[in-house]
Amino acid sequence: MDRMTLHATAREATTAPADVRAEARIPVVIYGGERTGAQSLTVNHSEFIKMYRNVTPSTLIDVDIDGTVVQALIGEVQYHAVTDAILHIDLRQVDLTQPVKTIIELAFLGEAPAVKMYGGTLITSRNKVAVQALPEKLVSRIEIDLSFLDTFEKSIHLRDIVLPEGVELMDEASASVVIVKPPKSSAQIAAEKAEDVAADAEVASAPVEAPAEAEATEEKKEA
């Protein structure tokens, strides 16, 4: 698939972010590559939103900076706490000949038979994995087929995931990804209810102590 291109324009560091947003653009900084520090840019708000719907942290994109094209990964995206509007974007320029560390999202496909047939509950421990690879070896997502989970005894760990060629796992291979938890038995449900009733009864029967202020008032009257 062809890489998506994000068009950017260099921005003077003295330009206020509010002025940038007033022009329907978003302030951006790009770091990495041969530059010694971060470079300030702006991108069109609508263009970025359209692209951002179709990328992940491991999606390699082309960034056209006033005619000069570099490759990058989208880093942190900052949002307004109330309006949820995008305030700022970090881009990480990469060298196509050097490996990079990033995360790849996990996509769970299908339905676990142990859930559908036996009433279990799917428990996912993680939805992303840390990897290292050359930028062009990265993929946007790694798919995990849940049809393997046809009993409660089976589980999927990171070591079970087939990574794309050239992609190296950076997380602990023994880490759990997904399991199916069996449904509770009638005895377990009854026992939990009994524990809840006992706890409520204990709270209800606990003596209520008089406020310290009231006790002080009574002592004053007696004196």
C-alpha atoms as a PDB file:
ATOM      1  CA  MET A   1       0.000   0.000   0.000  1.00  0.00           C
ATOM      2  CA  ASP A   2       1.255   3.461  -0.891  1.00  0.00           C
ATOM      3  CA  ARG A   3       2.288   5.627   2.035  1.00  0.00           C
ATOM      4  CA  MET A   4       0.008   8.493   2.948  1.00  0.00           C
ATOM      5  CA  THR A   5       1.419  12.004   2.636  1.00  0.00           C
ATOM      6  CA  LEU A   6       0.930  14.816   5.128  1.00  0.00           C
ATOM      7  CA  HIS A   7       1.672  18.304   3.800  1.00  0.00           C
ATOM      8  CA  ALA A   8       3.369  20.645   6.267  1.00  0.00           C
ATOM      9  CA  THR A   9       4.638  24.203   6.271  1.00  0.00           C
ATOM     10  CA  ALA A  10       7.570  25.548   8.277  1.00  0.00           C
ATOM     11  CA  ARG A  11       6.488  27.800  11.141  1.00  0.00           C
ATOM     12  CA  GLU A  12       8.395  30.566  12.880  1.00  0.00           C
ATOM     13  CA  ALA A  13       8.872  29.723  16.542  1.00  0.00           C
ATOM     14  CA  THR A  14       7.520  33.170  17.440  1.00  0.00           C
ATOM     15  CA  THR A  15       4.134  32.474  15.843  1.00  0.00           C
ATOM     16  CA  ALA A  16       1.561  31.930  18.592  1.00  0.00           C
ATOM     17  CA  PRO A  17      -0.187  28.537  18.505  1.00  0.00           C
ATOM     18  CA  ALA A  18      -3.550  30.296  18.870  1.00  0.00           C
ATOM     19  CA  ASP A  19      -2.869  32.235  15.663  1.00  0.00           C
ATOM     20  CA  VAL A  20      -2.045  28.982  13.867  1.00  0.00           C
ATOM     21  CA  ARG A  21      -5.298  27.350  14.993  1.00  0.00           C
ATOM     22  CA  ALA A  22      -7.274  30.433  13.974  1.00  0.00           C
ATOM     23  CA  GLU A  23      -6.235  29.659  10.402  1.00  0.00           C
ATOM     24  CA  ALA A  24      -7.625  26.075  10.627  1.00  0.00           C
ATOM     25  CA  ARG A  25      -4.125  24.656  11.015  1.00  0.00           C
ATOM     26  CA  ILE A  26      -2.456  22.675  13.796  1.00  0.00           C
ATOM     27  CA  PRO A  27       0.947  23.423  15.384  1.00  0.00           C
ATOM     28  CA  VAL A  28       3.435  20.586  14.869  1.00  0.00           C
ATOM     29  CA  VAL A  29       7.004  19.813  15.873  1.00  0.00           C
ATOM     30  CA  ILE A  30       9.113  17.229  14.057  1.00  0.00           C
ATOM     31  CA  TYR A  31      12.249  15.831  15.613  1.00  0.00           C
ATOM     32  CA  GLY A  32      14.831  13.245  14.616  1.00  0.00           C
ATOM     33  CA  GLY A  33      16.655  12.817  11.353  1.00  0.00           C
ATOM     34  CA  GLU A  34      19.725  14.986  10.844  1.00  0.00           C
ATOM     35  CA  ARG A  35      18.297  17.998  12.655  1.00  0.00           C
ATOM     36  CA  THR A  36      19.864  18.842  16.017  1.00  0.00           C
ATOM     37  CA  GLY A  37      16.590  20.025  17.531  1.00  0.00           C
ATOM     38  CA  ALA A  38      12.877  20.067  16.839  1.00  0.00           C
ATOM     39  CA  GLN A  39      11.508  21.969  13.850  1.00  0.00           C
ATOM     40  CA  SER A  40       8.227  23.878  14.132  1.00  0.00           C
ATOM     41  CA  LEU A  41       5.611  23.207  11.449  1.00  0.00           C
ATOM     42  CA  THR A  42       1.905  23.556  10.793  1.00  0.00           C
ATOM     43  CA  VAL A  43      -0.496  21.198   9.013  1.00  0.00           C
ATOM     44  CA  ASN A  44      -3.989  21.625   7.663  1.00  0.00           C
ATOM     45  CA  HIS A  45      -6.538  20.560  10.288  1.00  0.00           C
ATOM     46  CA  SER A  46      -8.889  18.761   7.892  1.00  0.00           C
ATOM     47  CA  GLU A  47      -6.075  16.958   6.081  1.00  0.00           C
ATOM     48  CA  PHE A  48      -4.600  15.657   9.338  1.00  0.00           C
ATOM     49  CA  ILE A  49      -7.958  14.500  10.728  1.00  0.00           C
ATOM     50  CA  LYS A  50      -8.659  12.556   7.538  1.00  0.00           C
ATOM     51  CA  MET A  51      -5.250  10.866   7.724  1.00  0.00           C
ATOM     52  CA  TYR A  52      -5.315  10.241  11.479  1.00  0.00           C
ATOM     53  CA  ARG A  53      -8.459   8.096  11.171  1.00  0.00           C
ATOM     54  CA  ASN A  54      -6.460   5.598   9.117  1.00  0.00           C
ATOM     55  CA  VAL A  55      -3.111   5.406  10.909  1.00  0.00           C
ATOM     56  CA  THR A  56      -1.648   3.975  14.100  1.00  0.00           C
ATOM     57  CA  PRO A  57       1.570   4.760  16.023  1.00  0.00           C
ATOM     58  CA  SER A  58       3.418   2.290  13.760  1.00  0.00           C
ATOM     59  CA  THR A  59       2.144   3.630  10.423  1.00  0.00           C
ATOM     60  CA  LEU A  60       4.968   5.126   8.374  1.00  0.00           C
ATOM     61  CA  ILE A  61       3.953   8.313   6.563  1.00  0.00           C
ATOM     62  CA  ASP A  62       5.572  10.785   4.183  1.00  0.00           C
ATOM     63  CA  VAL A  63       5.751  14.368   5.435  1.00  0.00           C
ATOM     64  CA  ASP A  64       6.092  16.962   2.681  1.00  0.00           C
ATOM     65  CA  ILE A  65       7.714  20.016   4.313  1.00  0.00           C
ATOM     66  CA  ASP A  66       7.491  22.800   1.760  1.00  0.00           C
ATOM     67  CA  GLY A  67       8.514  20.386  -1.011  1.00  0.00           C
ATOM     68  CA  THR A  68      11.040  18.299   0.943  1.00  0.00           C
ATOM     69  CA  VAL A  69       9.700  14.837   1.753  1.00  0.00           C
ATOM     70  CA  VAL A  70      10.816  12.936   4.856  1.00  0.00           C
ATOM     71  CA  GLN A  71       9.471   9.801   6.526  1.00  0.00           C
ATOM     72  CA  ALA A  72       7.983   9.906  10.000  1.00  0.00           C
ATOM     73  CA  LEU A  73       5.816   8.256  12.635  1.00  0.00           C
ATOM     74  CA  ILE A  74       3.073  10.174  14.411  1.00  0.00           C
ATOM     75  CA  GLY A  75       3.948  10.620  18.069  1.00  0.00           C
ATOM     76  CA  GLU A  76       1.974  12.369  20.787  1.00  0.00           C
ATOM     77  CA  VAL A  77      -1.236  14.157  19.823  1.00  0.00           C
ATOM     78  CA  GLN A  78      -2.440  16.645  22.428  1.00  0.00           C
ATOM     79  CA  TYR A  79      -6.146  17.398  22.871  1.00  0.00           C
ATOM     80  CA  HIS A  80      -8.092  20.196  24.563  1.00  0.00           C
ATOM     81  CA  ALA A  81      -9.416  18.930  27.906  1.00  0.00           C
ATOM     82  CA  VAL A  82     -12.950  20.259  27.298  1.00  0.00           C
ATOM     83  CA  THR A  83     -13.554  20.492  23.542  1.00  0.00           C
ATOM     84  CA  ASP A  84     -11.343  17.518  22.565  1.00  0.00           C
ATOM     85  CA  ALA A  85      -9.926  19.623  19.732  1.00  0.00           C
ATOM     86  CA  ILE A  86      -6.379  18.757  18.616  1.00  0.00           C
ATOM     87  CA  LEU A  87      -3.939  21.291  20.032  1.00  0.00           C
ATOM     88  CA  HIS A  88      -0.542  19.979  19.015  1.00  0.00           C
ATOM     89  CA  ILE A  89       1.164  17.106  17.181  1.00  0.00           C
ATOM     90  CA  ASP A  90       4.601  15.510  17.547  1.00  0.00           C
ATOM     91  CA  LEU A  91       6.173  13.832  14.514  1.00  0.00           C
ATOM     92  CA  ARG A  92       9.194  11.558  14.722  1.00  0.00           C
ATOM     93  CA  GLN A  93      11.347  11.564  11.605  1.00  0.00           C
ATOM     94  CA  VAL A  94      13.002   8.209  10.896  1.00  0.00           C
ATOM     95  CA  ASP A  95      15.917   6.959   8.839  1.00  0.00           C
ATOM     96  CA  LEU A  96      14.745   4.140   6.576  1.00  0.00           C
ATOM     97  CA  THR A  97      18.108   2.378   7.001  1.00  0.00           C
ATOM     98  CA  GLN A  98      18.031   2.358  10.814  1.00  0.00           C
ATOM     99  CA  PRO A  99      15.765   0.246  13.083  1.00  0.00           C
ATOM    100  CA  VAL A 100      13.281   2.073  15.296  1.00  0.00           C
ATOM    101  CA  LYS A 101      11.436   1.101  18.437  1.00  0.00           C
ATOM    102  CA  THR A 102       7.705   1.683  18.565  1.00  0.00           C
ATOM    103  CA  ILE A 103       4.441  -0.041  19.433  1.00  0.00           C
ATOM    104  CA  ILE A 104       2.104  -1.967  17.154  1.00  0.00           C
ATOM    105  CA  GLU A 105      -1.580  -2.281  17.968  1.00  0.00           C
ATOM    106  CA  LEU A 106      -3.183  -5.718  18.303  1.00  0.00           C
ATOM    107  CA  ALA A 107      -6.443  -6.405  16.451  1.00  0.00           C
ATOM    108  CA  PHE A 108      -8.560  -9.287  17.764  1.00  0.00           C
ATOM    109  CA  LEU A 109     -10.473 -11.105  15.026  1.00  0.00           C
ATOM    110  CA  GLY A 110     -13.511 -13.337  15.301  1.00  0.00           C
ATOM    111  CA  GLU A 111     -15.027 -14.827  18.440  1.00  0.00           C
ATOM    112  CA  ALA A 112     -13.496 -17.316  20.829  1.00  0.00           C
ATOM    113  CA  PRO A 113     -15.452 -20.623  20.745  1.00  0.00           C
ATOM    114  CA  ALA A 114     -15.052 -20.893  24.529  1.00  0.00           C
ATOM    115  CA  VAL A 115     -17.066 -17.667  24.790  1.00  0.00           C
ATOM    116  CA  LYS A 116     -19.714 -18.540  22.212  1.00  0.00           C
ATOM    117  CA  MET A 117     -20.275 -22.175  23.177  1.00  0.00           C
ATOM    118  CA  TYR A 118     -19.457 -22.306  26.880  1.00  0.00           C
ATOM    119  CA  GLY A 119     -20.379 -18.829  28.117  1.00  0.00           C
ATOM    120  CA  GLY A 120     -16.867 -17.726  29.041  1.00  0.00           C
ATOM    121  CA  THR A 121     -15.661 -14.129  29.322  1.00  0.00           C
ATOM    122  CA  LEU A 122     -12.871 -12.863  27.065  1.00  0.00           C
ATOM    123  CA  ILE A 123     -10.121 -11.174  29.111  1.00  0.00           C
ATOM    124  CA  THR A 124      -7.521  -9.150  27.184  1.00  0.00           C
ATOM    125  CA  SER A 125      -4.357  -8.189  29.048  1.00  0.00           C
ATOM    126  CA  ARG A 126      -2.957  -5.874  26.377  1.00  0.00           C
ATOM    127  CA  ASN A 127      -3.875  -4.325  23.049  1.00  0.00           C
ATOM    128  CA  LYS A 128      -0.414  -3.343  21.825  1.00  0.00           C
ATOM    129  CA  VAL A 129       3.117  -4.700  21.718  1.00  0.00           C
ATOM    130  CA  ALA A 130       6.556  -3.067  21.748  1.00  0.00           C
ATOM    131  CA  VAL A 131       8.724  -3.924  18.738  1.00  0.00           C
ATOM    132  CA  GLN A 132      11.865  -2.953  16.866  1.00  0.00           C
ATOM    133  CA  ALA A 133      12.218  -2.967  13.101  1.00  0.00           C
ATOM    134  CA  LEU A 134      13.329  -1.034  10.075  1.00  0.00           C
ATOM    135  CA  PRO A 135      10.644   1.606   9.412  1.00  0.00           C
ATOM    136  CA  GLU A 136       9.479   0.021   6.161  1.00  0.00           C
ATOM    137  CA  LYS A 137       9.025  -3.350   7.896  1.00  0.00           C
ATOM    138  CA  LEU A 138       6.479  -1.915  10.336  1.00  0.00           C
ATOM    139  CA  VAL A 139       2.791  -2.708   9.995  1.00  0.00           C
ATOM    140  CA  SER A 140      -0.178  -0.757  11.304  1.00  0.00           C
ATOM    141  CA  ARG A 141      -1.691  -3.692  13.221  1.00  0.00           C
ATOM    142  CA  ILE A 142      -1.051  -7.319  14.088  1.00  0.00           C
ATOM    143  CA  GLU A 143      -4.124  -9.531  13.826  1.00  0.00           C
ATOM    144  CA  ILE A 144      -4.863 -12.199  16.436  1.00  0.00           C
ATOM    145  CA  ASP A 145      -7.315 -14.983  15.564  1.00  0.00           C
ATOM    146  CA  LEU A 146      -9.482 -15.766  18.580  1.00  0.00           C
ATOM    147  CA  SER A 147     -10.777 -19.045  17.111  1.00  0.00           C
ATOM    148  CA  PHE A 148      -7.814 -20.766  18.784  1.00  0.00           C
ATOM    149  CA  LEU A 149      -9.460 -20.252  22.184  1.00  0.00           C
ATOM    150  CA  ASP A 150     -11.870 -23.192  22.103  1.00  0.00           C
ATOM    151  CA  THR A 151     -11.317 -24.283  25.720  1.00  0.00           C
ATOM    152  CA  PHE A 152     -10.746 -22.474  29.016  1.00  0.00           C
ATOM    153  CA  GLU A 153      -7.317 -24.090  29.290  1.00  0.00           C
ATOM    154  CA  LYS A 154      -5.969 -22.331  26.206  1.00  0.00           C
ATOM    155  CA  SER A 155      -4.493 -18.831  26.195  1.00  0.00           C
ATOM    156  CA  ILE A 156      -2.502 -16.573  23.893  1.00  0.00           C
ATOM    157  CA  HIS A 157       0.828 -15.081  24.966  1.00  0.00           C
ATOM    158  CA  LEU A 158       3.157 -12.743  23.128  1.00  0.00           C
ATOM    159  CA  ARG A 159       5.350 -15.713  22.177  1.00  0.00           C
ATOM    160  CA  ASP A 160       2.379 -17.138  20.256  1.00  0.00           C
ATOM    161  CA  ILE A 161       2.007 -14.114  18.000  1.00  0.00           C
ATOM    162  CA  VAL A 162       3.479 -14.419  14.520  1.00  0.00           C
ATOM    163  CA  LEU A 163       5.308 -11.154  13.891  1.00  0.00           C
ATOM    164  CA  PRO A 164       5.921  -9.838  10.378  1.00  0.00           C
ATOM    165  CA  GLU A 165       9.303 -10.645   8.870  1.00  0.00           C
ATOM    166  CA  GLY A 166      11.972  -8.294  10.186  1.00  0.00           C
ATOM    167  CA  VAL A 167       9.964  -7.222  13.257  1.00  0.00           C
ATOM    168  CA  GLU A 168      11.541  -8.050  16.628  1.00  0.00           C
ATOM    169  CA  LEU A 169       9.566  -8.376  19.862  1.00  0.00           C
ATOM    170  CA  MET A 170      10.763  -6.037  22.630  1.00  0.00           C
ATOM    171  CA  ASP A 171       8.278  -7.047  25.354  1.00  0.00           C
ATOM    172  CA  GLU A 172       8.533 -10.141  27.565  1.00  0.00           C
ATOM    173  CA  ALA A 173       7.564 -13.122  25.411  1.00  0.00           C
ATOM    174  CA  SER A 174       5.796 -14.872  28.280  1.00  0.00           C
ATOM    175  CA  ALA A 175       3.373 -11.971  28.833  1.00  0.00           C
ATOM    176  CA  SER A 176      -0.299 -12.914  28.539  1.00  0.00           C
ATOM    177  CA  VAL A 177      -2.375 -11.342  25.771  1.00  0.00           C
ATOM    178  CA  VAL A 178      -5.828 -12.922  26.014  1.00  0.00           C
ATOM    179  CA  ILE A 179      -7.612 -15.714  27.880  1.00  0.00           C
ATOM    180  CA  VAL A 180     -11.183 -16.912  28.292  1.00  0.00           C
ATOM    181  CA  LYS A 181     -12.403 -16.980  31.875  1.00  0.00           C
ATOM    182  CA  PRO A 182     -14.989 -19.681  32.631  1.00  0.00           C
ATOM    183  CA  PRO A 183     -18.414 -18.627  33.911  1.00  0.00           C
ATOM    184  CA  LYS A 184     -19.034 -18.746  37.636  1.00  0.00           C
ATOM    185  CA  SER A 185     -20.780 -21.799  39.027  1.00  0.00           C
ATOM    186  CA  SER A 186     -24.038 -21.540  40.981  1.00  0.00           C
ATOM    187  CA  ALA A 187     -22.080 -22.314  44.159  1.00  0.00           C
ATOM    188  CA  GLN A 188     -19.632 -19.472  43.503  1.00  0.00           C
ATOM    189  CA  ILE A 189     -22.443 -16.992  42.841  1.00  0.00           C
ATOM    190  CA  ALA A 190     -24.286 -18.082  46.022  1.00  0.00           C
ATOM    191  CA  ALA A 191     -21.103 -17.784  48.076  1.00  0.00           C
ATOM    192  CA  GLU A 192     -20.414 -14.270  46.773  1.00  0.00           C
ATOM    193  CA  LYS A 193     -23.975 -13.193  47.551  1.00  0.00           C
ATOM    194  CA  ALA A 194     -23.664 -14.621  51.077  1.00  0.00           C
ATOM    195  CA  GLU A 195     -20.426 -12.658  51.576  1.00  0.00           C
ATOM    196  CA  ASP A 196     -22.117  -9.451  50.414  1.00  0.00           C
ATOM    197  CA  VAL A 197     -25.079  -9.990  52.766  1.00  0.00           C
ATOM    198  CA  ALA A 198     -22.741 -10.682  55.684  1.00  0.00           C
ATOM    199  CA  ALA A 199     -20.708  -7.562  54.931  1.00  0.00           C
ATOM    200  CA  ASP A 200     -23.868  -5.408  54.760  1.00  0.00           C
ATOM    201  CA  ALA A 201     -25.106  -6.841  58.042  1.00  0.00           C
ATOM    202  CA  GLU A 202     -21.783  -6.115  59.722  1.00  0.00           C
ATOM    203  CA  VAL A 203     -21.882  -2.502  58.598  1.00  0.00           C
ATOM    204  CA  ALA A 204     -25.512  -2.085  59.717  1.00  0.00           C
ATOM    205  CA  SER A 205     -24.819  -3.509  63.186  1.00  0.00           C
ATOM    206  CA  ALA A 206     -21.691  -1.469  63.832  1.00  0.00           C
ATOM    207  CA  PRO A 207     -22.146   1.036  66.721  1.00  0.00           C
ATOM    208  CA  VAL A 208     -22.405   4.670  65.731  1.00  0.00           C
ATOM    209  CA  GLU A 209     -20.052   6.878  67.737  1.00  0.00           C
ATOM    210  CA  ALA A 210     -21.231  10.312  68.798  1.00  0.00           C
ATOM    211  CA  PRO A 211     -19.423  13.194  67.124  1.00  0.00           C
ATOM    212  CA  ALA A 212     -16.563  14.590  69.171  1.00  0.00           C
ATOM    213  CA  GLU A 213     -18.151  18.047  69.149  1.00  0.00           C
ATOM    214  CA  ALA A 214     -21.350  16.725  70.724  1.00  0.00           C
ATOM    215  CA  GLU A 215     -19.378  14.935  73.457  1.00  0.00           C
ATOM    216  CA  ALA A 216     -17.493  18.107  74.257  1.00  0.00           C
ATOM    217  CA  THR A 217     -20.811  19.998  74.618  1.00  0.00           C
ATOM    218  CA  GLU A 218     -22.183  17.402  77.058  1.00  0.00           C
ATOM    219  CA  GLU A 219     -19.031  17.598  79.188  1.00  0.00           C
ATOM    220  CA  LYS A 220     -19.348  21.376  79.336  1.00  0.00           C
ATOM    221  CA  LYS A 221     -22.981  21.167  80.519  1.00  0.00           C
ATOM    222  CA  GLU A 222     -22.069  18.723  83.301  1.00  0.00           C
ATOM    223  CA  ALA A 223     -19.309  21.052  84.483  1.00  0.00           C
END
